[in-house]
């Protein structure tokens, strides 16, 4: 097993491996990447055993809060192991869901322009969400995409909205309850609401405080006329039971909980200490590409 820890910015950069890197070269691996504003997450799945063997987090800013070139991070050893498949998911920038009947690939950029969801230096992309017969339309930093596409030419590229919605719809396709699923990132949260296994809401909300978080959560329940006692809420991402967001939400909604670790995969003992809900979309990525 190899371990690497260095302090950078406010978070530690970490790598965790179940095997040494030489042994990984003999495995049938899938490399998953999650590109966020300030960090790049990665994990390695042994496709033969269905076990996750490695995980890593790399800061995109240095100790002086200066942006580190993505090209430098992509030289990290774990991101250059031999793999048989790869995928990349972008989390920043909001996405729009457009029904297939009204979607035109040539108009992707215009859809985003109309909602002020694309900036100079960004490129419009879209993902097909099979389980909802719609497209997720979003913008990606053109420089980031070019670097990643050059390095991972055969990778599947997706937006977080696509992975999150696709996975939840597949998981609850025979569901009979109403449920709310909330993925928390620094500065925003993605909310998916399901009614008997069908998507009734996907949206991203900007949040800076626990009050913001609870306000939007309660708004979703009220707007969709969901009864909190009958409609559980599951949390993913950057939230814990000790956080202010969780505690404040609990005062209004009693039926809330952190998402449990999936049974679709196993995890090496070196990854067991990772909070199951914190990197959910990274570990679910392989199922939704």
C-alpha atoms as a PDB file:
ATOM      1  CA  UNK A   1       0.000   0.000   0.000  1.00  0.00           C
ATOM      2  CA  UNK A   2       1.190   3.504  -0.749  1.00  0.00           C
ATOM      3  CA  UNK A   3       0.140   6.640   1.103  1.00  0.00           C
ATOM      4  CA  UNK A   4       0.924  10.235   0.233  1.00  0.00           C
ATOM      5  CA  UNK A   5      -0.050  13.327   2.221  1.00  0.00           C
ATOM      6  CA  UNK A   6       0.995  16.925   1.640  1.00  0.00           C
ATOM      7  CA  UNK A   7      -0.575  20.062   3.055  1.00  0.00           C
ATOM      8  CA  UNK A   8      -1.791  22.571   0.453  1.00  0.00           C
ATOM      9  CA  UNK A   9      -4.231  25.476   0.806  1.00  0.00           C
ATOM     10  CA  UNK A  10      -6.977  24.606   3.323  1.00  0.00           C
ATOM     11  CA  UNK A  11      -7.181  20.892   2.541  1.00  0.00           C
ATOM     12  CA  UNK A  12      -4.774  18.022   2.399  1.00  0.00           C
ATOM     13  CA  UNK A  13      -3.877  16.389  -0.845  1.00  0.00           C
ATOM     14  CA  UNK A  14      -4.213  12.672  -0.403  1.00  0.00           C
ATOM     15  CA  UNK A  15      -3.725   9.420  -2.225  1.00  0.00           C
ATOM     16  CA  UNK A  16      -4.868   6.069  -0.900  1.00  0.00           C
ATOM     17  CA  UNK A  17      -4.038   2.763  -2.544  1.00  0.00           C
ATOM     18  CA  UNK A  18      -4.962  -0.807  -1.715  1.00  0.00           C
ATOM     19  CA  UNK A  19      -2.001  -2.030  -3.780  1.00  0.00           C
ATOM     20  CA  UNK A  20       1.313  -0.585  -4.832  1.00  0.00           C
ATOM     21  CA  UNK A  21       1.268   1.213  -8.176  1.00  0.00           C
ATOM     22  CA  UNK A  22       3.227  -1.518  -9.922  1.00  0.00           C
ATOM     23  CA  UNK A  23       0.573  -4.094  -8.989  1.00  0.00           C
ATOM     24  CA  UNK A  24      -2.175  -1.798 -10.270  1.00  0.00           C
ATOM     25  CA  UNK A  25      -0.664  -2.036 -13.744  1.00  0.00           C
ATOM     26  CA  UNK A  26      -1.813  -5.677 -13.953  1.00  0.00           C
ATOM     27  CA  UNK A  27      -5.447  -4.860 -13.130  1.00  0.00           C
ATOM     28  CA  UNK A  28      -8.401  -4.170 -15.408  1.00  0.00           C
ATOM     29  CA  UNK A  29      -8.952  -0.618 -14.189  1.00  0.00           C
ATOM     30  CA  UNK A  30     -11.406   2.183 -14.772  1.00  0.00           C
ATOM     31  CA  UNK A  31     -10.230   5.695 -13.897  1.00  0.00           C
ATOM     32  CA  UNK A  32     -12.918   8.153 -12.792  1.00  0.00           C
ATOM     33  CA  UNK A  33     -12.219  11.884 -12.456  1.00  0.00           C
ATOM     34  CA  UNK A  34     -14.383  14.591 -10.900  1.00  0.00           C
ATOM     35  CA  UNK A  35     -13.383  18.142 -11.772  1.00  0.00           C
ATOM     36  CA  UNK A  36     -14.448  20.782  -9.248  1.00  0.00           C
ATOM     37  CA  UNK A  37     -13.557  24.448  -8.931  1.00  0.00           C
ATOM     38  CA  UNK A  38     -10.804  23.930  -6.366  1.00  0.00           C
ATOM     39  CA  UNK A  39      -9.988  20.217  -6.418  1.00  0.00           C
ATOM     40  CA  UNK A  40      -9.640  17.275  -8.768  1.00  0.00           C
ATOM     41  CA  UNK A  41     -10.901  13.953  -7.403  1.00  0.00           C
ATOM     42  CA  UNK A  42      -9.981  10.559  -8.808  1.00  0.00           C
ATOM     43  CA  UNK A  43     -10.588   6.874  -8.083  1.00  0.00           C
ATOM     44  CA  UNK A  44      -9.620   3.526  -9.607  1.00  0.00           C
ATOM     45  CA  UNK A  45     -12.063   0.631  -9.940  1.00  0.00           C
ATOM     46  CA  UNK A  46     -10.941  -2.960 -10.529  1.00  0.00           C
ATOM     47  CA  UNK A  47     -13.611  -3.943 -13.050  1.00  0.00           C
ATOM     48  CA  UNK A  48     -12.980  -7.664 -12.621  1.00  0.00           C
ATOM     49  CA  UNK A  49     -13.518  -7.726  -8.852  1.00  0.00           C
ATOM     50  CA  UNK A  50     -15.874  -4.704  -8.738  1.00  0.00           C
ATOM     51  CA  UNK A  51     -13.691  -3.221  -5.989  1.00  0.00           C
ATOM     52  CA  UNK A  52     -12.403   0.320  -5.633  1.00  0.00           C
ATOM     53  CA  UNK A  53      -8.664   0.183  -5.012  1.00  0.00           C
ATOM     54  CA  UNK A  54      -7.538   3.803  -5.000  1.00  0.00           C
ATOM     55  CA  UNK A  55      -8.751   7.327  -4.378  1.00  0.00           C
ATOM     56  CA  UNK A  56      -7.058  10.720  -4.620  1.00  0.00           C
ATOM     57  CA  UNK A  57      -7.751  14.421  -4.095  1.00  0.00           C
ATOM     58  CA  UNK A  58      -5.565  17.136  -5.668  1.00  0.00           C
ATOM     59  CA  UNK A  59      -5.881  20.824  -4.871  1.00  0.00           C
ATOM     60  CA  UNK A  60      -6.177  23.200  -7.816  1.00  0.00           C
ATOM     61  CA  UNK A  61      -4.746  26.060  -5.743  1.00  0.00           C
ATOM     62  CA  UNK A  62      -1.478  26.191  -3.843  1.00  0.00           C
ATOM     63  CA  UNK A  63      -0.812  27.300  -0.261  1.00  0.00           C
ATOM     64  CA  UNK A  64      -0.892  30.960  -1.380  1.00  0.00           C
ATOM     65  CA  UNK A  65      -4.285  30.484  -3.056  1.00  0.00           C
ATOM     66  CA  UNK A  66      -2.720  30.727  -6.498  1.00  0.00           C
ATOM     67  CA  UNK A  67      -4.287  28.594  -9.208  1.00  0.00           C
ATOM     68  CA  UNK A  68      -2.230  25.511 -10.068  1.00  0.00           C
ATOM     69  CA  UNK A  69      -2.221  24.615 -13.763  1.00  0.00           C
ATOM     70  CA  UNK A  70      -4.370  21.572 -14.479  1.00  0.00           C
ATOM     71  CA  UNK A  71      -1.579  20.375 -16.765  1.00  0.00           C
ATOM     72  CA  UNK A  72       0.670  20.071 -13.700  1.00  0.00           C
ATOM     73  CA  UNK A  73      -1.881  18.089 -11.705  1.00  0.00           C
ATOM     74  CA  UNK A  74      -2.429  15.700 -14.603  1.00  0.00           C
ATOM     75  CA  UNK A  75       1.199  14.594 -14.293  1.00  0.00           C
ATOM     76  CA  UNK A  76       0.456  12.983 -10.912  1.00  0.00           C
ATOM     77  CA  UNK A  77       1.363   9.298 -10.893  1.00  0.00           C
ATOM     78  CA  UNK A  78      -2.085   7.977 -10.090  1.00  0.00           C
ATOM     79  CA  UNK A  79      -3.561   9.832 -13.069  1.00  0.00           C
ATOM     80  CA  UNK A  80      -1.138   8.050 -15.363  1.00  0.00           C
ATOM     81  CA  UNK A  81      -1.612   4.413 -14.406  1.00  0.00           C
ATOM     82  CA  UNK A  82      -2.558   1.927 -17.094  1.00  0.00           C
ATOM     83  CA  UNK A  83      -6.348   1.669 -17.384  1.00  0.00           C
ATOM     84  CA  UNK A  84      -8.846   0.125 -19.794  1.00  0.00           C
ATOM     85  CA  UNK A  85     -11.512   2.811 -19.431  1.00  0.00           C
ATOM     86  CA  UNK A  86     -11.895   6.347 -18.110  1.00  0.00           C
ATOM     87  CA  UNK A  87     -14.511   9.018 -17.469  1.00  0.00           C
ATOM     88  CA  UNK A  88     -14.565  12.677 -16.462  1.00  0.00           C
ATOM     89  CA  UNK A  89     -17.353  14.553 -14.688  1.00  0.00           C
ATOM     90  CA  UNK A  90     -17.536  18.344 -14.278  1.00  0.00           C
ATOM     91  CA  UNK A  91     -19.382  19.752 -11.259  1.00  0.00           C
ATOM     92  CA  UNK A  92     -19.106  23.525 -11.625  1.00  0.00           C
ATOM     93  CA  UNK A  93     -21.568  25.585 -13.677  1.00  0.00           C
ATOM     94  CA  UNK A  94     -25.297  24.979 -13.559  1.00  0.00           C
ATOM     95  CA  UNK A  95     -26.968  22.642 -16.011  1.00  0.00           C
ATOM     96  CA  UNK A  96     -30.338  22.785 -17.789  1.00  0.00           C
ATOM     97  CA  UNK A  97     -32.493  19.722 -18.402  1.00  0.00           C
ATOM     98  CA  UNK A  98     -34.286  19.870 -21.759  1.00  0.00           C
ATOM     99  CA  UNK A  99     -36.753  17.178 -22.958  1.00  0.00           C
ATOM    100  CA  UNK A 100     -35.521  15.319 -26.028  1.00  0.00           C
ATOM    101  CA  UNK A 101     -38.526  16.478 -28.070  1.00  0.00           C
ATOM    102  CA  UNK A 102     -37.417  20.106 -27.697  1.00  0.00           C
ATOM    103  CA  UNK A 103     -33.651  19.604 -27.832  1.00  0.00           C
ATOM    104  CA  UNK A 104     -31.344  20.598 -30.667  1.00  0.00           C
ATOM    105  CA  UNK A 105     -27.605  19.965 -30.413  1.00  0.00           C
ATOM    106  CA  UNK A 106     -26.887  22.985 -32.599  1.00  0.00           C
ATOM    107  CA  UNK A 107     -28.747  25.221 -30.130  1.00  0.00           C
ATOM    108  CA  UNK A 108     -26.946  24.077 -26.960  1.00  0.00           C
ATOM    109  CA  UNK A 109     -24.982  27.316 -26.666  1.00  0.00           C
ATOM    110  CA  UNK A 110     -28.108  29.424 -27.236  1.00  0.00           C
ATOM    111  CA  UNK A 111     -30.010  27.601 -24.484  1.00  0.00           C
ATOM    112  CA  UNK A 112     -27.238  28.516 -22.042  1.00  0.00           C
ATOM    113  CA  UNK A 113     -26.957  32.101 -23.296  1.00  0.00           C
ATOM    114  CA  UNK A 114     -30.654  32.696 -22.713  1.00  0.00           C
ATOM    115  CA  UNK A 115     -30.217  31.748 -19.045  1.00  0.00           C
ATOM    116  CA  UNK A 116     -26.806  33.447 -18.616  1.00  0.00           C
ATOM    117  CA  UNK A 117     -25.213  30.063 -17.951  1.00  0.00           C
ATOM    118  CA  UNK A 118     -22.199  30.379 -20.235  1.00  0.00           C
ATOM    119  CA  UNK A 119     -19.252  32.770 -19.994  1.00  0.00           C
ATOM    120  CA  UNK A 120     -16.373  33.812 -22.216  1.00  0.00           C
ATOM    121  CA  UNK A 121     -13.825  31.003 -22.420  1.00  0.00           C
ATOM    122  CA  UNK A 122     -16.416  28.257 -21.944  1.00  0.00           C
ATOM    123  CA  UNK A 123     -17.800  25.679 -24.378  1.00  0.00           C
ATOM    124  CA  UNK A 124     -21.345  24.262 -24.429  1.00  0.00           C
ATOM    125  CA  UNK A 125     -21.883  20.519 -24.046  1.00  0.00           C
ATOM    126  CA  UNK A 126     -24.834  18.186 -23.549  1.00  0.00           C
ATOM    127  CA  UNK A 127     -25.447  14.711 -22.103  1.00  0.00           C
ATOM    128  CA  UNK A 128     -28.355  12.401 -22.877  1.00  0.00           C
ATOM    129  CA  UNK A 129     -30.116  11.153 -19.735  1.00  0.00           C
ATOM    130  CA  UNK A 130     -31.707   7.917 -20.865  1.00  0.00           C
ATOM    131  CA  UNK A 131     -33.862   7.291 -17.803  1.00  0.00           C
ATOM    132  CA  UNK A 132     -35.578  10.663 -18.175  1.00  0.00           C
ATOM    133  CA  UNK A 133     -35.472  11.031 -21.979  1.00  0.00           C
ATOM    134  CA  UNK A 134     -33.865  14.456 -21.759  1.00  0.00           C
ATOM    135  CA  UNK A 135     -30.563  16.250 -22.239  1.00  0.00           C
ATOM    136  CA  UNK A 136     -28.452  18.012 -19.637  1.00  0.00           C
ATOM    137  CA  UNK A 137     -26.928  21.135 -21.220  1.00  0.00           C
ATOM    138  CA  UNK A 138     -23.969  22.817 -19.515  1.00  0.00           C
ATOM    139  CA  UNK A 139     -20.799  24.839 -20.043  1.00  0.00           C
ATOM    140  CA  UNK A 140     -17.215  23.766 -19.354  1.00  0.00           C
ATOM    141  CA  UNK A 141     -14.012  25.787 -19.203  1.00  0.00           C
ATOM    142  CA  UNK A 142     -12.554  25.356 -22.697  1.00  0.00           C
ATOM    143  CA  UNK A 143      -8.975  25.124 -21.439  1.00  0.00           C
ATOM    144  CA  UNK A 144      -9.793  22.397 -18.915  1.00  0.00           C
ATOM    145  CA  UNK A 145     -11.709  20.403 -21.498  1.00  0.00           C
ATOM    146  CA  UNK A 146      -8.925  20.624 -24.075  1.00  0.00           C
ATOM    147  CA  UNK A 147      -6.292  19.382 -21.615  1.00  0.00           C
ATOM    148  CA  UNK A 148      -8.462  16.521 -20.379  1.00  0.00           C
ATOM    149  CA  UNK A 149      -9.566  15.494 -23.861  1.00  0.00           C
ATOM    150  CA  UNK A 150      -5.972  15.420 -25.097  1.00  0.00           C
ATOM    151  CA  UNK A 151      -4.883  13.237 -22.194  1.00  0.00           C
ATOM    152  CA  UNK A 152      -7.962  10.987 -21.935  1.00  0.00           C
ATOM    153  CA  UNK A 153      -9.011  10.770 -25.565  1.00  0.00           C
ATOM    154  CA  UNK A 154     -11.398   7.833 -25.121  1.00  0.00           C
ATOM    155  CA  UNK A 155     -12.942   9.046 -21.863  1.00  0.00           C
ATOM    156  CA  UNK A 156     -16.654   9.602 -21.395  1.00  0.00           C
ATOM    157  CA  UNK A 157     -17.316  13.233 -20.411  1.00  0.00           C
ATOM    158  CA  UNK A 158     -20.376  14.125 -18.345  1.00  0.00           C
ATOM    159  CA  UNK A 159     -21.778  16.790 -16.026  1.00  0.00           C
ATOM    160  CA  UNK A 160     -22.582  16.062 -12.388  1.00  0.00           C
ATOM    161  CA  UNK A 161     -26.290  16.647 -13.035  1.00  0.00           C
ATOM    162  CA  UNK A 162     -26.308  13.800 -15.562  1.00  0.00           C
ATOM    163  CA  UNK A 163     -24.621  11.317 -13.237  1.00  0.00           C
ATOM    164  CA  UNK A 164     -26.683  12.286 -10.191  1.00  0.00           C
ATOM    165  CA  UNK A 165     -30.051  12.220 -11.967  1.00  0.00           C
ATOM    166  CA  UNK A 166     -29.298   9.101 -14.028  1.00  0.00           C
ATOM    167  CA  UNK A 167     -28.133   7.114 -11.013  1.00  0.00           C
ATOM    168  CA  UNK A 168     -31.075   8.079  -8.793  1.00  0.00           C
ATOM    169  CA  UNK A 169     -33.631   7.310 -11.495  1.00  0.00           C
ATOM    170  CA  UNK A 170     -32.067   3.899 -12.130  1.00  0.00           C
ATOM    171  CA  UNK A 171     -31.888   3.144  -8.412  1.00  0.00           C
ATOM    172  CA  UNK A 172     -35.510   4.123  -7.734  1.00  0.00           C
ATOM    173  CA  UNK A 173     -37.163   3.109 -11.010  1.00  0.00           C
ATOM    174  CA  UNK A 174     -39.627   0.922  -9.105  1.00  0.00           C
ATOM    175  CA  UNK A 175     -39.982   3.339  -6.213  1.00  0.00           C
ATOM    176  CA  UNK A 176     -43.362   4.154  -4.710  1.00  0.00           C
ATOM    177  CA  UNK A 177     -42.331   6.928  -2.320  1.00  0.00           C
ATOM    178  CA  UNK A 178     -41.541  10.595  -2.750  1.00  0.00           C
ATOM    179  CA  UNK A 179     -37.900  11.401  -2.002  1.00  0.00           C
ATOM    180  CA  UNK A 180     -35.562  14.388  -2.039  1.00  0.00           C
ATOM    181  CA  UNK A 181     -31.831  13.986  -2.698  1.00  0.00           C
ATOM    182  CA  UNK A 182     -29.409  16.834  -2.026  1.00  0.00           C
ATOM    183  CA  UNK A 183     -25.760  16.927  -3.115  1.00  0.00           C
ATOM    184  CA  UNK A 184     -23.839  19.635  -1.250  1.00  0.00           C
ATOM    185  CA  UNK A 185     -20.819  21.401  -2.750  1.00  0.00           C
ATOM    186  CA  UNK A 186     -18.950  24.423  -1.396  1.00  0.00           C
ATOM    187  CA  UNK A 187     -21.215  27.327  -2.377  1.00  0.00           C
ATOM    188  CA  UNK A 188     -24.101  25.428  -3.985  1.00  0.00           C
ATOM    189  CA  UNK A 189     -26.272  22.329  -3.827  1.00  0.00           C
ATOM    190  CA  UNK A 190     -27.927  20.094  -6.422  1.00  0.00           C
ATOM    191  CA  UNK A 191     -31.451  18.964  -5.564  1.00  0.00           C
ATOM    192  CA  UNK A 192     -33.285  16.024  -7.145  1.00  0.00           C
ATOM    193  CA  UNK A 193     -36.880  15.277  -6.173  1.00  0.00           C
ATOM    194  CA  UNK A 194     -38.528  11.997  -7.132  1.00  0.00           C
ATOM    195  CA  UNK A 195     -42.207  11.056  -7.097  1.00  0.00           C
ATOM    196  CA  UNK A 196     -42.788   7.303  -7.318  1.00  0.00           C
ATOM    197  CA  UNK A 197     -39.470   6.918  -9.112  1.00  0.00           C
ATOM    198  CA  UNK A 198     -40.107   9.755 -11.588  1.00  0.00           C
ATOM    199  CA  UNK A 199     -38.121  12.987 -11.738  1.00  0.00           C
ATOM    200  CA  UNK A 200     -40.199  16.003 -10.716  1.00  0.00           C
ATOM    201  CA  UNK A 201     -37.359  18.445  -9.986  1.00  0.00           C
ATOM    202  CA  UNK A 202     -33.694  18.977 -10.669  1.00  0.00           C
ATOM    203  CA  UNK A 203     -32.184  22.327  -9.771  1.00  0.00           C
ATOM    204  CA  UNK A 204     -29.017  23.937  -8.428  1.00  0.00           C
ATOM    205  CA  UNK A 205     -29.176  26.518  -5.657  1.00  0.00           C
ATOM    206  CA  UNK A 206     -26.446  28.888  -4.503  1.00  0.00           C
ATOM    207  CA  UNK A 207     -25.896  28.542  -0.744  1.00  0.00           C
ATOM    208  CA  UNK A 208     -23.485  30.381   1.539  1.00  0.00           C
ATOM    209  CA  UNK A 209     -24.977  29.681   4.973  1.00  0.00           C
ATOM    210  CA  UNK A 210     -26.993  27.062   6.831  1.00  0.00           C
ATOM    211  CA  UNK A 211     -29.969  29.428   6.584  1.00  0.00           C
ATOM    212  CA  UNK A 212     -29.679  29.493   2.775  1.00  0.00           C
ATOM    213  CA  UNK A 213     -29.477  25.722   2.718  1.00  0.00           C
ATOM    214  CA  UNK A 214     -32.551  25.216   4.891  1.00  0.00           C
ATOM    215  CA  UNK A 215     -34.555  27.919   3.110  1.00  0.00           C
ATOM    216  CA  UNK A 216     -34.181  26.280  -0.305  1.00  0.00           C
ATOM    217  CA  UNK A 217     -34.772  22.823   1.123  1.00  0.00           C
ATOM    218  CA  UNK A 218     -38.028  23.892   2.753  1.00  0.00           C
ATOM    219  CA  UNK A 219     -39.012  25.755  -0.425  1.00  0.00           C
ATOM    220  CA  UNK A 220     -38.661  22.525  -2.414  1.00  0.00           C
ATOM    221  CA  UNK A 221     -40.936  20.658  -0.005  1.00  0.00           C
ATOM    222  CA  UNK A 222     -43.516  23.447  -0.004  1.00  0.00           C
ATOM    223  CA  UNK A 223     -43.455  24.090  -3.762  1.00  0.00           C
ATOM    224  CA  UNK A 224     -43.794  20.388  -4.602  1.00  0.00           C
ATOM    225  CA  UNK A 225     -46.344  19.838  -1.822  1.00  0.00           C
ATOM    226  CA  UNK A 226     -44.266  17.063  -0.287  1.00  0.00           C
ATOM    227  CA  UNK A 227     -45.042  15.917   3.231  1.00  0.00           C
ATOM    228  CA  UNK A 228     -41.760  15.783   5.184  1.00  0.00           C
ATOM    229  CA  UNK A 229     -42.868  12.804   7.268  1.00  0.00           C
ATOM    230  CA  UNK A 230     -43.591  10.760   4.111  1.00  0.00           C
ATOM    231  CA  UNK A 231     -40.810  12.119   1.889  1.00  0.00           C
ATOM    232  CA  UNK A 232     -37.339  11.366   3.254  1.00  0.00           C
ATOM    233  CA  UNK A 233     -34.384  13.574   2.358  1.00  0.00           C
ATOM    234  CA  UNK A 234     -30.928  12.135   1.681  1.00  0.00           C
ATOM    235  CA  UNK A 235     -27.728  14.171   1.838  1.00  0.00           C
ATOM    236  CA  UNK A 236     -24.524  13.696  -0.129  1.00  0.00           C
ATOM    237  CA  UNK A 237     -21.287  15.607  -0.459  1.00  0.00           C
ATOM    238  CA  UNK A 238     -19.863  18.248   1.884  1.00  0.00           C
ATOM    239  CA  UNK A 239     -22.198  17.800   4.846  1.00  0.00           C
ATOM    240  CA  UNK A 240     -22.062  15.831   8.099  1.00  0.00           C
ATOM    241  CA  UNK A 241     -24.450  15.207  10.964  1.00  0.00           C
ATOM    242  CA  UNK A 242     -22.405  17.685  13.018  1.00  0.00           C
ATOM    243  CA  UNK A 243     -22.552  20.474  10.446  1.00  0.00           C
ATOM    244  CA  UNK A 244     -24.729  23.558  10.925  1.00  0.00           C
ATOM    245  CA  UNK A 245     -26.640  22.791   7.742  1.00  0.00           C
ATOM    246  CA  UNK A 246     -27.664  19.329   8.926  1.00  0.00           C
ATOM    247  CA  UNK A 247     -28.579  20.508  12.443  1.00  0.00           C
ATOM    248  CA  UNK A 248     -30.700  23.415  11.214  1.00  0.00           C
ATOM    249  CA  UNK A 249     -32.473  21.305   8.602  1.00  0.00           C
ATOM    250  CA  UNK A 250     -33.229  18.721  11.289  1.00  0.00           C
ATOM    251  CA  UNK A 251     -35.197  21.281  13.300  1.00  0.00           C
ATOM    252  CA  UNK A 252     -37.700  21.518  10.432  1.00  0.00           C
ATOM    253  CA  UNK A 253     -37.406  18.156   8.697  1.00  0.00           C
ATOM    254  CA  UNK A 254     -37.127  15.090  10.926  1.00  0.00           C
ATOM    255  CA  UNK A 255     -36.861  12.533   8.136  1.00  0.00           C
ATOM    256  CA  UNK A 256     -33.354  13.374   6.931  1.00  0.00           C
ATOM    257  CA  UNK A 257     -30.203  11.250   6.762  1.00  0.00           C
ATOM    258  CA  UNK A 258     -26.834  10.873   5.105  1.00  0.00           C
ATOM    259  CA  UNK A 259     -26.739   8.596   2.068  1.00  0.00           C
ATOM    260  CA  UNK A 260     -25.489   5.085   2.785  1.00  0.00           C
ATOM    261  CA  UNK A 261     -22.612   3.393   1.016  1.00  0.00           C
ATOM    262  CA  UNK A 262     -23.721   1.616  -2.133  1.00  0.00           C
ATOM    263  CA  UNK A 263     -23.745  -2.176  -2.289  1.00  0.00           C
ATOM    264  CA  UNK A 264     -22.974  -2.132  -6.013  1.00  0.00           C
ATOM    265  CA  UNK A 265     -19.236  -2.050  -5.292  1.00  0.00           C
ATOM    266  CA  UNK A 266     -16.836  -3.086  -2.580  1.00  0.00           C
ATOM    267  CA  UNK A 267     -14.100  -0.845  -1.206  1.00  0.00           C
ATOM    268  CA  UNK A 268     -10.613  -1.740  -0.105  1.00  0.00           C
ATOM    269  CA  UNK A 269      -9.848  -1.341   3.602  1.00  0.00           C
ATOM    270  CA  UNK A 270      -7.725   1.714   2.762  1.00  0.00           C
ATOM    271  CA  UNK A 271     -10.847   3.470   1.463  1.00  0.00           C
ATOM    272  CA  UNK A 272     -13.192   2.439   4.258  1.00  0.00           C
ATOM    273  CA  UNK A 273     -12.450   5.574   6.273  1.00  0.00           C
ATOM    274  CA  UNK A 274     -13.707   7.830   3.474  1.00  0.00           C
ATOM    275  CA  UNK A 275     -17.205   9.119   4.353  1.00  0.00           C
ATOM    276  CA  UNK A 276     -19.544   7.079   2.162  1.00  0.00           C
ATOM    277  CA  UNK A 277     -21.760  10.012   1.228  1.00  0.00           C
ATOM    278  CA  UNK A 278     -19.007  12.580   0.603  1.00  0.00           C
ATOM    279  CA  UNK A 279     -17.730  11.212  -2.723  1.00  0.00           C
ATOM    280  CA  UNK A 280     -20.883   9.462  -3.861  1.00  0.00           C
ATOM    281  CA  UNK A 281     -20.976  10.865  -7.383  1.00  0.00           C
ATOM    282  CA  UNK A 282     -17.323   9.998  -7.968  1.00  0.00           C
ATOM    283  CA  UNK A 283     -17.882   6.351  -7.064  1.00  0.00           C
ATOM    284  CA  UNK A 284     -21.221   6.192  -8.951  1.00  0.00           C
ATOM    285  CA  UNK A 285     -19.717   7.688 -12.085  1.00  0.00           C
ATOM    286  CA  UNK A 286     -18.813   4.324 -13.623  1.00  0.00           C
ATOM    287  CA  UNK A 287     -22.491   3.264 -13.628  1.00  0.00           C
ATOM    288  CA  UNK A 288     -23.680   6.344 -15.523  1.00  0.00           C
ATOM    289  CA  UNK A 289     -21.370   6.708 -18.512  1.00  0.00           C
END
